[in-house]
Amino acid sequence: MKVINSESLVALPREVKALIRNGVYTLYTLGAAGGAAYLLVTNRGEFYLLSSDGRPQDASSIKSVTDVDLDQVVSFSDSGPPSEFQVNWA
């Protein structure tokens, strides 16, 4: 597991960072993927290549998650801002 400060991913929206923190999305470091540093996997099985600052990269040549060299799962060292998700208790 690689632990990073979420602020290093300046181009990644805070909502996406919150989804990663809450385990809804998963972020991986990559071995070699044509310049991409991370792979973001959503809860729907969609995936996105990201640069080292969290900016989306072209993933058109990748047809499956198995086409990339996953290295480590990423966790954030900081807790981030208070959750903006609202729970409906009704």
PDB file of N, CA and C in Angstrom:
ATOM      1  N   MET A   1       0.839  -1.174   0.000  1.00  0.00           N
ATOM      2  CA  MET A   1       0.000   0.000   0.000  1.00  0.00           C
ATOM      3  C   MET A   1       0.883   1.236   0.000  1.00  0.00           C
ATOM      4  N   LYS A   2       0.525   2.180  -0.857  1.00  0.00           N
ATOM      5  CA  LYS A   2       1.236   3.452  -0.915  1.00  0.00           C
ATOM      6  C   LYS A   2       0.356   4.509  -0.260  1.00  0.00           C
ATOM      7  N   VAL A   3       0.929   5.275   0.653  1.00  0.00           N
ATOM      8  CA  VAL A   3       0.191   6.323   1.355  1.00  0.00           C
ATOM      9  C   VAL A   3       0.709   7.672   0.860  1.00  0.00           C
ATOM     10  N   ILE A   4      -0.213   8.499   0.350  1.00  0.00           N
ATOM     11  CA  ILE A   4       0.142   9.823  -0.155  1.00  0.00           C
ATOM     12  C   ILE A   4      -0.786  10.870   0.454  1.00  0.00           C
ATOM     13  N   ASN A   5      -0.397  12.118   0.363  1.00  0.00           N
ATOM     14  CA  ASN A   5      -1.255  13.213   0.768  1.00  0.00           C
ATOM     15  C   ASN A   5      -2.194  13.513  -0.402  1.00  0.00           C
ATOM     16  N   SER A   6      -3.475  13.585  -0.146  1.00  0.00           N
ATOM     17  CA  SER A   6      -4.437  13.801  -1.230  1.00  0.00           C
ATOM     18  C   SER A   6      -4.224  15.130  -1.946  1.00  0.00           C
ATOM     19  N   GLU A   7      -3.617  16.092  -1.278  1.00  0.00           N
ATOM     20  CA  GLU A   7      -3.374  17.392  -1.899  1.00  0.00           C
ATOM     21  C   GLU A   7      -2.353  17.317  -3.036  1.00  0.00           C
ATOM     22  N   SER A   8      -1.579  16.223  -3.111  1.00  0.00           N
ATOM     23  CA  SER A   8      -0.634  16.071  -4.218  1.00  0.00           C
ATOM     24  C   SER A   8      -1.368  15.800  -5.532  1.00  0.00           C
ATOM     25  N   LEU A   9      -2.627  15.391  -5.439  1.00  0.00           N
ATOM     26  CA  LEU A   9      -3.447  15.164  -6.635  1.00  0.00           C
ATOM     27  C   LEU A   9      -4.337  16.384  -6.852  1.00  0.00           C
ATOM     28  N   VAL A  10      -3.711  17.498  -7.191  1.00  0.00           N
ATOM     29  CA  VAL A  10      -4.404  18.785  -7.277  1.00  0.00           C
ATOM     30  C   VAL A  10      -5.500  18.818  -8.340  1.00  0.00           C
ATOM     31  N   ALA A  11      -5.385  18.014  -9.400  1.00  0.00           N
ATOM     32  CA  ALA A  11      -6.369  18.035 -10.473  1.00  0.00           C
ATOM     33  C   ALA A  11      -7.550  17.101 -10.211  1.00  0.00           C
ATOM     34  N   LEU A  12      -7.483  16.308  -9.150  1.00  0.00           N
ATOM     35  CA  LEU A  12      -8.557  15.367  -8.830  1.00  0.00           C
ATOM     36  C   LEU A  12      -9.606  16.078  -7.975  1.00  0.00           C
ATOM     37  N   PRO A  13     -10.866  16.073  -8.396  1.00  0.00           N
ATOM     38  CA  PRO A  13     -11.912  16.764  -7.629  1.00  0.00           C
ATOM     39  C   PRO A  13     -12.032  16.216  -6.203  1.00  0.00           C
ATOM     40  N   ARG A  14     -12.399  17.070  -5.283  1.00  0.00           N
ATOM     41  CA  ARG A  14     -12.499  16.648  -3.877  1.00  0.00           C
ATOM     42  C   ARG A  14     -13.559  15.572  -3.681  1.00  0.00           C
ATOM     43  N   GLU A  15     -14.602  15.571  -4.525  1.00  0.00           N
ATOM     44  CA  GLU A  15     -15.634  14.540  -4.428  1.00  0.00           C
ATOM     45  C   GLU A  15     -15.063  13.159  -4.745  1.00  0.00           C
ATOM     46  N   VAL A  16     -14.171  13.105  -5.723  1.00  0.00           N
ATOM     47  CA  VAL A  16     -13.526  11.840  -6.082  1.00  0.00           C
ATOM     48  C   VAL A  16     -12.597  11.396  -4.956  1.00  0.00           C
ATOM     49  N   LYS A  17     -11.878  12.338  -4.371  1.00  0.00           N
ATOM     50  CA  LYS A  17     -11.005  12.008  -3.235  1.00  0.00           C
ATOM     51  C   LYS A  17     -11.831  11.439  -2.082  1.00  0.00           C
ATOM     52  N   ALA A  18     -13.017  12.020  -1.837  1.00  0.00           N
ATOM     53  CA  ALA A  18     -13.894  11.527  -0.772  1.00  0.00           C
ATOM     54  C   ALA A  18     -14.367  10.104  -1.076  1.00  0.00           C
ATOM     55  N   LEU A  19     -14.671   9.816  -2.335  1.00  0.00           N
ATOM     56  CA  LEU A  19     -15.101   8.473  -2.713  1.00  0.00           C
ATOM     57  C   LEU A  19     -13.965   7.459  -2.539  1.00  0.00           C
ATOM     58  N   ILE A  20     -12.746   7.884  -2.793  1.00  0.00           N
ATOM     59  CA  ILE A  20     -11.585   7.012  -2.556  1.00  0.00           C
ATOM     60  C   ILE A  20     -11.433   6.763  -1.061  1.00  0.00           C
ATOM     61  N   ARG A  21     -11.510   7.818  -0.266  1.00  0.00           N
ATOM     62  CA  ARG A  21     -11.393   7.682   1.198  1.00  0.00           C
ATOM     63  C   ARG A  21     -12.434   6.734   1.770  1.00  0.00           C
ATOM     64  N   ASN A  22     -13.651   6.798   1.220  1.00  0.00           N
ATOM     65  CA  ASN A  22     -14.760   5.988   1.726  1.00  0.00           C
ATOM     66  C   ASN A  22     -14.810   4.583   1.119  1.00  0.00           C
ATOM     67  N   GLY A  23     -13.844   4.253   0.270  1.00  0.00           N
ATOM     68  CA  GLY A  23     -13.774   2.912  -0.286  1.00  0.00           C
ATOM     69  C   GLY A  23     -14.723   2.635  -1.437  1.00  0.00           C
ATOM     70  N   VAL A  24     -15.375   3.670  -1.957  1.00  0.00           N
ATOM     71  CA  VAL A  24     -16.277   3.492  -3.093  1.00  0.00           C
ATOM     72  C   VAL A  24     -15.467   3.369  -4.382  1.00  0.00           C
ATOM     73  N   TYR A  25     -14.438   4.204  -4.531  1.00  0.00           N
ATOM     74  CA  TYR A  25     -13.498   4.133  -5.646  1.00  0.00           C
ATOM     75  C   TYR A  25     -12.164   3.626  -5.112  1.00  0.00           C
ATOM     76  N   THR A  26     -11.365   3.040  -5.999  1.00  0.00           N
ATOM     77  CA  THR A  26     -10.043   2.552  -5.626  1.00  0.00           C
ATOM     78  C   THR A  26      -9.007   3.193  -6.529  1.00  0.00           C
ATOM     79  N   LEU A  27      -7.894   3.598  -5.934  1.00  0.00           N
ATOM     80  CA  LEU A  27      -6.806   4.226  -6.669  1.00  0.00           C
ATOM     81  C   LEU A  27      -5.569   3.343  -6.554  1.00  0.00           C
ATOM     82  N   TYR A  28      -4.924   3.077  -7.695  1.00  0.00           N
ATOM     83  CA  TYR A  28      -3.714   2.257  -7.748  1.00  0.00           C
ATOM     84  C   TYR A  28      -2.569   3.048  -8.370  1.00  0.00           C
ATOM     85  N   THR A  29      -1.350   2.759  -7.941  1.00  0.00           N
ATOM     86  CA  THR A  29      -0.183   3.254  -8.668  1.00  0.00           C
ATOM     87  C   THR A  29       0.062   2.271  -9.807  1.00  0.00           C
ATOM     88  N   LEU A  30       0.736   2.746 -10.835  1.00  0.00           N
ATOM     89  CA  LEU A  30       1.003   1.913 -12.010  1.00  0.00           C
ATOM     90  C   LEU A  30       2.485   1.666 -12.188  1.00  0.00           C
ATOM     91  N   GLY A  31       2.800   0.501 -12.739  1.00  0.00           N
ATOM     92  CA  GLY A  31       4.184   0.193 -13.086  1.00  0.00           C
ATOM     93  C   GLY A  31       4.588   1.001 -14.312  1.00  0.00           C
ATOM     94  N   ALA A  32       4.078   0.627 -15.468  1.00  0.00           N
ATOM     95  CA  ALA A  32       4.382   1.331 -16.721  1.00  0.00           C
ATOM     96  C   ALA A  32       3.104   1.408 -17.550  1.00  0.00           C
ATOM     97  N   ALA A  33       2.612   2.629 -17.773  1.00  0.00           N
ATOM     98  CA  ALA A  33       1.374   2.793 -18.552  1.00  0.00           C
ATOM     99  C   ALA A  33       1.444   4.019 -19.450  1.00  0.00           C
ATOM    100  N   GLY A  34       2.527   4.192 -20.141  1.00  0.00           N
ATOM    101  CA  GLY A  34       2.640   5.290 -21.088  1.00  0.00           C
ATOM    102  C   GLY A  34       2.552   6.664 -20.474  1.00  0.00           C
ATOM    103  N   GLY A  35       3.146   6.854 -19.325  1.00  0.00           N
ATOM    104  CA  GLY A  35       3.166   8.169 -18.692  1.00  0.00           C
ATOM    105  C   GLY A  35       2.152   8.363 -17.589  1.00  0.00           C
ATOM    106  N   ALA A  36       1.155   7.500 -17.490  1.00  0.00           N
ATOM    107  CA  ALA A  36       0.179   7.627 -16.409  1.00  0.00           C
ATOM    108  C   ALA A  36       0.794   7.118 -15.108  1.00  0.00           C
ATOM    109  N   ALA A  37       0.414   7.744 -14.013  1.00  0.00           N
ATOM    110  CA  ALA A  37       0.951   7.365 -12.700  1.00  0.00           C
ATOM    111  C   ALA A  37      -0.040   6.553 -11.877  1.00  0.00           C
ATOM    112  N   TYR A  38      -1.355   6.753 -12.132  1.00  0.00           N
ATOM    113  CA  TYR A  38      -2.386   6.115 -11.330  1.00  0.00           C
ATOM    114  C   TYR A  38      -3.494   5.540 -12.193  1.00  0.00           C
ATOM    115  N   LEU A  39      -4.200   4.576 -11.630  1.00  0.00           N
ATOM    116  CA  LEU A  39      -5.416   4.050 -12.234  1.00  0.00           C
ATOM    117  C   LEU A  39      -6.524   4.199 -11.211  1.00  0.00           C
ATOM    118  N   LEU A  40      -7.604   4.874 -11.585  1.00  0.00           N
ATOM    119  CA  LEU A  40      -8.771   5.045 -10.735  1.00  0.00           C
ATOM    120  C   LEU A  40      -9.831   4.062 -11.205  1.00  0.00           C
ATOM    121  N   VAL A  41     -10.349   3.244 -10.283  1.00  0.00           N
ATOM    122  CA  VAL A  41     -11.396   2.268 -10.606  1.00  0.00           C
ATOM    123  C   VAL A  41     -12.639   2.654  -9.824  1.00  0.00           C
ATOM    124  N   THR A  42     -13.759   2.819 -10.532  1.00  0.00           N
ATOM    125  CA  THR A  42     -15.008   3.223  -9.883  1.00  0.00           C
ATOM    126  C   THR A  42     -15.774   1.996  -9.395  1.00  0.00           C
ATOM    127  N   ASN A  43     -16.842   2.248  -8.666  1.00  0.00           N
ATOM    128  CA  ASN A  43     -17.687   1.169  -8.176  1.00  0.00           C
ATOM    129  C   ASN A  43     -18.496   0.513  -9.291  1.00  0.00           C
ATOM    130  N   ARG A  44     -18.486   1.071 -10.482  1.00  0.00           N
ATOM    131  CA  ARG A  44     -19.166   0.486 -11.642  1.00  0.00           C
ATOM    132  C   ARG A  44     -18.203  -0.246 -12.571  1.00  0.00           C
ATOM    133  N   GLY A  45     -16.950  -0.358 -12.130  1.00  0.00           N
ATOM    134  CA  GLY A  45     -15.963  -1.060 -12.947  1.00  0.00           C
ATOM    135  C   GLY A  45     -15.357  -0.207 -14.048  1.00  0.00           C
ATOM    136  N   GLU A  46     -15.651   1.081 -14.050  1.00  0.00           N
ATOM    137  CA  GLU A  46     -15.028   1.994 -15.008  1.00  0.00           C
ATOM    138  C   GLU A  46     -13.640   2.325 -14.488  1.00  0.00           C
ATOM    139  N   PHE A  47     -12.722   2.612 -15.390  1.00  0.00           N
ATOM    140  CA  PHE A  47     -11.380   2.957 -14.953  1.00  0.00           C
ATOM    141  C   PHE A  47     -10.840   4.131 -15.741  1.00  0.00           C
ATOM    142  N   TYR A  48      -9.954   4.887 -15.089  1.00  0.00           N
ATOM    143  CA  TYR A  48      -9.387   6.091 -15.672  1.00  0.00           C
ATOM    144  C   TYR A  48      -7.898   6.159 -15.344  1.00  0.00           C
ATOM    145  N   LEU A  49      -7.105   6.438 -16.347  1.00  0.00           N
ATOM    146  CA  LEU A  49      -5.682   6.673 -16.122  1.00  0.00           C
ATOM    147  C   LEU A  49      -5.509   8.118 -15.685  1.00  0.00           C
ATOM    148  N   LEU A  50      -4.643   8.335 -14.690  1.00  0.00           N
ATOM    149  CA  LEU A  50      -4.411   9.680 -14.168  1.00  0.00           C
ATOM    150  C   LEU A  50      -2.921   9.991 -14.176  1.00  0.00           C
ATOM    151  N   SER A  51      -2.588  11.260 -14.385  1.00  0.00           N
ATOM    152  CA  SER A  51      -1.201  11.715 -14.295  1.00  0.00           C
ATOM    153  C   SER A  51      -0.807  11.800 -12.826  1.00  0.00           C
ATOM    154  N   SER A  52       0.423  12.179 -12.556  1.00  0.00           N
ATOM    155  CA  SER A  52       0.911  12.254 -11.180  1.00  0.00           C
ATOM    156  C   SER A  52       0.203  13.328 -10.349  1.00  0.00           C
ATOM    157  N   ASP A  53      -0.484  14.288 -11.018  1.00  0.00           N
ATOM    158  CA  ASP A  53      -1.238  15.297 -10.273  1.00  0.00           C
ATOM    159  C   ASP A  53      -2.749  15.043 -10.297  1.00  0.00           C
ATOM    160  N   GLY A  54      -3.159  13.889 -10.858  1.00  0.00           N
ATOM    161  CA  GLY A  54      -4.562  13.522 -10.875  1.00  0.00           C
ATOM    162  C   GLY A  54      -5.327  13.910 -12.120  1.00  0.00           C
ATOM    163  N   ARG A  55      -4.630  14.427 -13.126  1.00  0.00           N
ATOM    164  CA  ARG A  55      -5.271  14.830 -14.377  1.00  0.00           C
ATOM    165  C   ARG A  55      -5.553  13.588 -15.243  1.00  0.00           C
ATOM    166  N   PRO A  56      -6.764  13.475 -15.819  1.00  0.00           N
ATOM    167  CA  PRO A  56      -7.087  12.318 -16.670  1.00  0.00           C
ATOM    168  C   PRO A  56      -6.164  12.230 -17.876  1.00  0.00           C
ATOM    169  N   GLN A  57      -5.793  11.007 -18.236  1.00  0.00           N
ATOM    170  CA  GLN A  57      -4.945  10.720 -19.394  1.00  0.00           C
ATOM    171  C   GLN A  57      -5.751   9.906 -20.400  1.00  0.00           C
ATOM    172  N   ASP A  58      -5.256   9.836 -21.613  1.00  0.00           N
ATOM    173  CA  ASP A  58      -5.922   9.056 -22.656  1.00  0.00           C
ATOM    174  C   ASP A  58      -5.818   7.566 -22.324  1.00  0.00           C
ATOM    175  N   ALA A  59      -6.970   6.916 -22.216  1.00  0.00           N
ATOM    176  CA  ALA A  59      -7.006   5.489 -21.907  1.00  0.00           C
ATOM    177  C   ALA A  59      -7.615   4.697 -23.053  1.00  0.00           C
ATOM    178  N   SER A  60      -7.647   5.276 -24.252  1.00  0.00           N
ATOM    179  CA  SER A  60      -8.313   4.626 -25.384  1.00  0.00           C
ATOM    180  C   SER A  60      -7.643   3.324 -25.826  1.00  0.00           C
ATOM    181  N   SER A  61      -6.363   3.173 -25.543  1.00  0.00           N
ATOM    182  CA  SER A  61      -5.665   1.946 -25.952  1.00  0.00           C
ATOM    183  C   SER A  61      -5.860   0.803 -24.957  1.00  0.00           C
ATOM    184  N   ILE A  62      -6.495   1.086 -23.835  1.00  0.00           N
ATOM    185  CA  ILE A  62      -6.692   0.063 -22.802  1.00  0.00           C
ATOM    186  C   ILE A  62      -8.139  -0.408 -22.837  1.00  0.00           C
ATOM    187  N   LYS A  63      -8.318  -1.693 -23.004  1.00  0.00           N
ATOM    188  CA  LYS A  63      -9.657  -2.270 -23.093  1.00  0.00           C
ATOM    189  C   LYS A  63     -10.127  -2.881 -21.774  1.00  0.00           C
ATOM    190  N   SER A  64      -9.179  -3.199 -20.883  1.00  0.00           N
ATOM    191  CA  SER A  64      -9.507  -3.856 -19.625  1.00  0.00           C
ATOM    192  C   SER A  64      -8.486  -3.448 -18.566  1.00  0.00           C
ATOM    193  N   VAL A  65      -8.870  -3.558 -17.308  1.00  0.00           N
ATOM    194  CA  VAL A  65      -7.956  -3.249 -16.211  1.00  0.00           C
ATOM    195  C   VAL A  65      -6.746  -4.176 -16.255  1.00  0.00           C
ATOM    196  N   THR A  66      -6.925  -5.363 -16.786  1.00  0.00           N
ATOM    197  CA  THR A  66      -5.810  -6.309 -16.872  1.00  0.00           C
ATOM    198  C   THR A  66      -4.764  -5.888 -17.901  1.00  0.00           C
ATOM    199  N   ASP A  67      -5.060  -4.867 -18.708  1.00  0.00           N
ATOM    200  CA  ASP A  67      -4.106  -4.362 -19.700  1.00  0.00           C
ATOM    201  C   ASP A  67      -3.054  -3.445 -19.094  1.00  0.00           C
ATOM    202  N   VAL A  68      -3.198  -3.075 -17.834  1.00  0.00           N
ATOM    203  CA  VAL A  68      -2.235  -2.191 -17.181  1.00  0.00           C
ATOM    204  C   VAL A  68      -1.504  -2.946 -16.071  1.00  0.00           C
ATOM    205  N   ASP A  69      -0.331  -2.443 -15.739  1.00  0.00           N
ATOM    206  CA  ASP A  69       0.515  -3.051 -14.709  1.00  0.00           C
ATOM    207  C   ASP A  69       0.246  -2.375 -13.369  1.00  0.00           C
ATOM    208  N   LEU A  70      -0.710  -2.937 -12.589  1.00  0.00           N
ATOM    209  CA  LEU A  70      -1.043  -2.365 -11.278  1.00  0.00           C
ATOM    210  C   LEU A  70       0.113  -2.610 -10.321  1.00  0.00           C
ATOM    211  N   ASP A  71       0.444  -1.590  -9.546  1.00  0.00           N
ATOM    212  CA  ASP A  71       1.541  -1.704  -8.594  1.00  0.00           C
ATOM    213  C   ASP A  71       0.999  -1.807  -7.170  1.00  0.00           C
ATOM    214  N   GLN A  72       0.552  -0.682  -6.603  1.00  0.00           N
ATOM    215  CA  GLN A  72       0.082  -0.665  -5.217  1.00  0.00           C
ATOM    216  C   GLN A  72      -1.248   0.070  -5.119  1.00  0.00           C
ATOM    217  N   VAL A  73      -2.058  -0.328  -4.144  1.00  0.00           N
ATOM    218  CA  VAL A  73      -3.269   0.425  -3.853  1.00  0.00           C
ATOM    219  C   VAL A  73      -2.851   1.675  -3.078  1.00  0.00           C
ATOM    220  N   VAL A  74      -3.561   2.778  -3.315  1.00  0.00           N
ATOM    221  CA  VAL A  74      -3.210   4.066  -2.712  1.00  0.00           C
ATOM    222  C   VAL A  74      -4.211   4.423  -1.619  1.00  0.00           C
ATOM    223  N   SER A  75      -3.677   4.925  -0.523  1.00  0.00           N
ATOM    224  CA  SER A  75      -4.473   5.449   0.583  1.00  0.00           C
ATOM    225  C   SER A  75      -3.981   6.871   0.862  1.00  0.00           C
ATOM    226  N   PHE A  76      -4.843   7.673   1.447  1.00  0.00           N
ATOM    227  CA  PHE A  76      -4.471   9.051   1.750  1.00  0.00           C
ATOM    228  C   PHE A  76      -4.039   9.181   3.207  1.00  0.00           C
ATOM    229  N   SER A  77      -2.988   9.956   3.425  1.00  0.00           N
ATOM    230  CA  SER A  77      -2.470  10.175   4.778  1.00  0.00           C
ATOM    231  C   SER A  77      -3.270  11.231   5.532  1.00  0.00           C
ATOM    232  N   ASP A  78      -3.931  12.108   4.807  1.00  0.00           N
ATOM    233  CA  ASP A  78      -4.718  13.168   5.427  1.00  0.00           C
ATOM    234  C   ASP A  78      -6.192  12.768   5.459  1.00  0.00           C
ATOM    235  N   SER A  79      -6.910  13.332   6.403  1.00  0.00           N
ATOM    236  CA  SER A  79      -8.321  12.975   6.547  1.00  0.00           C
ATOM    237  C   SER A  79      -9.219  13.746   5.592  1.00  0.00           C
ATOM    238  N   GLY A  80      -8.721  14.829   5.049  1.00  0.00           N
ATOM    239  CA  GLY A  80      -9.511  15.630   4.126  1.00  0.00           C
ATOM    240  C   GLY A  80     -10.546  16.462   4.844  1.00  0.00           C
ATOM    241  N   PRO A  81     -11.320  17.227   4.082  1.00  0.00           N
ATOM    242  CA  PRO A  81     -12.352  18.066   4.685  1.00  0.00           C
ATOM    243  C   PRO A  81     -13.480  17.200   5.242  1.00  0.00           C
ATOM    244  N   PRO A  82     -14.313  17.764   6.106  1.00  0.00           N
ATOM    245  CA  PRO A  82     -15.460  17.003   6.619  1.00  0.00           C
ATOM    246  C   PRO A  82     -16.323  16.514   5.461  1.00  0.00           C
ATOM    247  N   SER A  83     -16.933  15.372   5.637  1.00  0.00           N
ATOM    248  CA  SER A  83     -17.739  14.766   4.577  1.00  0.00           C
ATOM    249  C   SER A  83     -18.876  15.679   4.178  1.00  0.00           C
ATOM    250  N   GLU A  84     -19.087  15.783   2.874  1.00  0.00           N
ATOM    251  CA  GLU A  84     -20.204  16.598   2.369  1.00  0.00           C
ATOM    252  C   GLU A  84     -21.383  15.719   1.995  1.00  0.00           C
ATOM    253  N   PHE A  85     -21.229  14.407   2.192  1.00  0.00           N
ATOM    254  CA  PHE A  85     -22.339  13.506   1.886  1.00  0.00           C
ATOM    255  C   PHE A  85     -23.400  13.621   2.976  1.00  0.00           C
ATOM    256  N   GLN A  86     -24.648  13.655   2.577  1.00  0.00           N
ATOM    257  CA  GLN A  86     -25.732  13.720   3.547  1.00  0.00           C
ATOM    258  C   GLN A  86     -26.407  12.359   3.604  1.00  0.00           C
ATOM    259  N   VAL A  87     -26.735  11.952   4.792  1.00  0.00           N
ATOM    260  CA  VAL A  87     -27.402  10.675   4.977  1.00  0.00           C
ATOM    261  C   VAL A  87     -28.878  10.935   5.209  1.00  0.00           C
ATOM    262  N   ASN A  88     -29.712  10.236   4.467  1.00  0.00           N
ATOM    263  CA  ASN A  88     -31.154  10.348   4.623  1.00  0.00           C
ATOM    264  C   ASN A  88     -31.589   9.277   5.606  1.00  0.00           C
ATOM    265  N   TRP A  89     -31.949   9.661   6.811  1.00  0.00           N
ATOM    266  CA  TRP A  89     -32.313   8.723   7.857  1.00  0.00           C
ATOM    267  C   TRP A  89     -33.808   8.364   7.835  1.00  0.00           C
ATOM    268  N   ALA A  90     -34.558   8.933   6.903  1.00  0.00           N
ATOM    269  CA  ALA A  90     -36.010   8.673   6.867  1.00  0.00           C
ATOM    270  C   ALA A  90     -36.337   7.313   6.342  1.00  0.00           C
TER     271      ALA A  90
END
